Amino acid sequence: MTVKEINFAFEMIAAIAAACPEGYTVDRKKFEPIKSGYAVAVEGTQESFGNKGLAHVIKYMDQHPEVPAFGGWYRKDTKEFYFDATMIFEDESEAREFAILNKQLEYCNLTTGECIPV
């Protein structure tokens, strides 16, 4: 990514996070919501919160073009917004397996909005 593309991604994701404090999953290229499948955060972007965390996620995404989505959510107990590089799966068993391998506590059914414990 060029510096211009990185800055654009930062601005877009920051705006989406502000507009969707309960959480979001968006396509990495179009920044449009992904509304079906199962979203699972990638371990390499765990504990990415605030502006520094968002910058880390964007850098990670730049280095991992296979990751199709940005995700994020506001964690009420810590009062911090978390950002993630997010994989999308059509098959729930694949999503669950990926979640286990990536040490996630849950993954999200994008069709229903339900978070599913691992």
Protein backbone atom coordinates (compact mmCIF):
# COMPACT_ATOMS: atom_id res chain seq x y z
CA MET A 1 0.00 0.00 0.00
CA THR A 2 1.11 3.52 -0.66
CA VAL A 3 1.15 6.12 2.10
CA LYS A 4 -1.97 7.64 0.52
CA GLU A 5 -3.76 4.25 0.61
CA ILE A 6 -2.71 3.66 4.22
CA ASN A 7 -3.99 7.08 5.26
CA PHE A 8 -7.25 6.51 3.38
CA ALA A 9 -7.73 3.10 5.06
CA PHE A 10 -7.04 4.65 8.47
CA GLU A 11 -9.59 7.43 7.90
CA MET A 12 -12.23 5.03 6.52
CA ILE A 13 -11.93 2.48 9.33
CA ALA A 14 -11.83 5.18 12.02
CA ALA A 15 -15.04 6.68 10.58
CA ILE A 16 -16.73 3.26 10.36
CA ALA A 17 -15.75 2.49 13.96
CA ALA A 18 -17.20 5.81 15.13
CA ALA A 19 -20.45 5.13 13.24
CA CYS A 20 -20.71 1.48 14.38
CA PRO A 21 -19.55 1.31 18.00
CA GLU A 22 -21.19 -2.07 18.57
CA GLY A 23 -18.98 -3.56 15.90
CA TYR A 24 -18.56 -4.00 12.18
CA THR A 25 -17.00 -6.22 9.53
CA VAL A 26 -16.17 -4.57 6.22
CA ASP A 27 -14.53 -5.63 2.98
CA ARG A 28 -10.91 -4.51 2.87
CA LYS A 29 -11.17 -3.06 -0.65
CA LYS A 30 -14.61 -1.45 -0.77
CA PHE A 31 -15.06 -0.74 2.97
CA GLU A 32 -18.62 -2.05 2.63
CA PRO A 33 -20.33 -4.23 5.26
CA ILE A 34 -20.08 -8.00 4.88
CA LYS A 35 -23.49 -9.38 5.82
CA SER A 36 -23.13 -13.14 5.53
CA GLY A 37 -20.75 -15.87 6.57
CA TYR A 38 -18.72 -16.18 9.74
CA ALA A 39 -16.15 -13.59 10.82
CA VAL A 40 -13.08 -14.67 12.77
CA ALA A 41 -10.32 -12.35 13.96
CA VAL A 42 -6.72 -13.19 13.13
CA GLU A 43 -4.43 -13.82 16.11
CA GLY A 44 -1.76 -11.47 14.73
CA THR A 45 -3.99 -8.47 15.39
CA GLN A 46 -5.29 -9.33 18.85
CA GLU A 47 -5.14 -6.57 21.46
CA SER A 48 -5.13 -3.87 18.76
CA PHE A 49 -7.00 -0.93 20.23
CA GLY A 50 -7.04 2.81 19.71
CA ASN A 51 -5.20 4.61 16.92
CA LYS A 52 -2.02 2.62 17.50
CA GLY A 53 -3.98 -0.63 17.20
CA LEU A 54 -5.70 0.51 14.02
CA ALA A 55 -2.33 1.41 12.49
CA HIS A 56 -1.06 -2.08 13.43
CA VAL A 57 -4.07 -3.75 11.78
CA ILE A 58 -3.63 -1.74 8.58
CA LYS A 59 0.06 -2.68 8.44
CA TYR A 60 -0.83 -6.34 9.06
CA MET A 61 -3.45 -6.23 6.29
CA ASP A 62 -0.90 -4.69 3.92
CA GLN A 63 1.44 -7.61 4.61
CA HIS A 64 -1.35 -10.23 4.37
CA PRO A 65 -3.40 -9.65 1.22
CA GLU A 66 -5.26 -12.94 1.80
CA VAL A 67 -7.15 -11.40 4.73
CA PRO A 68 -10.41 -10.09 3.23
CA ALA A 69 -11.89 -7.88 5.94
CA PHE A 70 -11.45 -5.33 8.69
CA GLY A 71 -13.39 -5.90 11.88
CA GLY A 72 -13.84 -4.01 15.09
CA TRP A 73 -15.92 -3.69 18.20
CA TYR A 74 -16.19 -1.64 21.36
CA ARG A 75 -15.39 -3.55 24.51
CA LYS A 76 -17.58 -2.07 27.23
CA ASP A 77 -15.68 -3.51 30.18
CA THR A 78 -12.38 -1.88 29.16
CA LYS A 79 -13.97 1.08 27.32
CA GLU A 80 -11.68 0.56 24.35
CA PHE A 81 -12.35 0.01 20.66
CA TYR A 82 -10.61 -3.07 19.28
CA PHE A 83 -9.58 -3.48 15.66
CA ASP A 84 -8.93 -6.79 13.91
CA ALA A 85 -7.85 -8.27 10.61
CA THR A 86 -10.73 -10.64 9.92
CA MET A 87 -11.17 -13.83 7.92
CA ILE A 88 -14.59 -14.71 6.49
CA PHE A 89 -15.86 -18.28 6.19
CA GLU A 90 -19.02 -19.66 4.62
CA ASP A 91 -18.74 -22.93 6.56
CA GLU A 92 -19.21 -22.65 10.34
CA SER A 93 -17.01 -25.65 11.13
CA GLU A 94 -14.11 -23.99 9.24
CA ALA A 95 -14.75 -20.74 11.11
CA ARG A 96 -14.72 -22.55 14.45
CA GLU A 97 -11.49 -24.40 13.60
CA PHE A 98 -9.81 -21.13 12.53
CA ALA A 99 -11.04 -19.44 15.72
CA ILE A 100 -9.50 -22.19 17.85
CA LEU A 101 -6.20 -22.04 15.93
CA ASN A 102 -6.11 -18.25 16.34
CA LYS A 103 -6.92 -18.37 20.07
CA GLN A 104 -10.20 -16.50 19.75
CA LEU A 105 -12.88 -16.58 22.43
CA GLU A 106 -15.69 -16.28 19.88
CA TYR A 107 -16.53 -15.71 16.24
CA CYS A 108 -19.46 -13.93 14.64
CA ASN A 109 -22.32 -15.14 12.46
CA LEU A 110 -22.63 -12.13 10.14
CA THR A 111 -26.11 -13.13 8.97
CA THR A 112 -27.64 -13.09 12.45
CA GLY A 113 -25.15 -10.86 14.27
CA GLU A 114 -24.73 -13.55 16.92
CA CYS A 115 -21.34 -14.01 18.58
CA ILE A 116 -20.62 -17.70 19.08
CA PRO A 117 -18.30 -18.83 21.91
CA VAL A 118 -15.50 -21.18 20.90
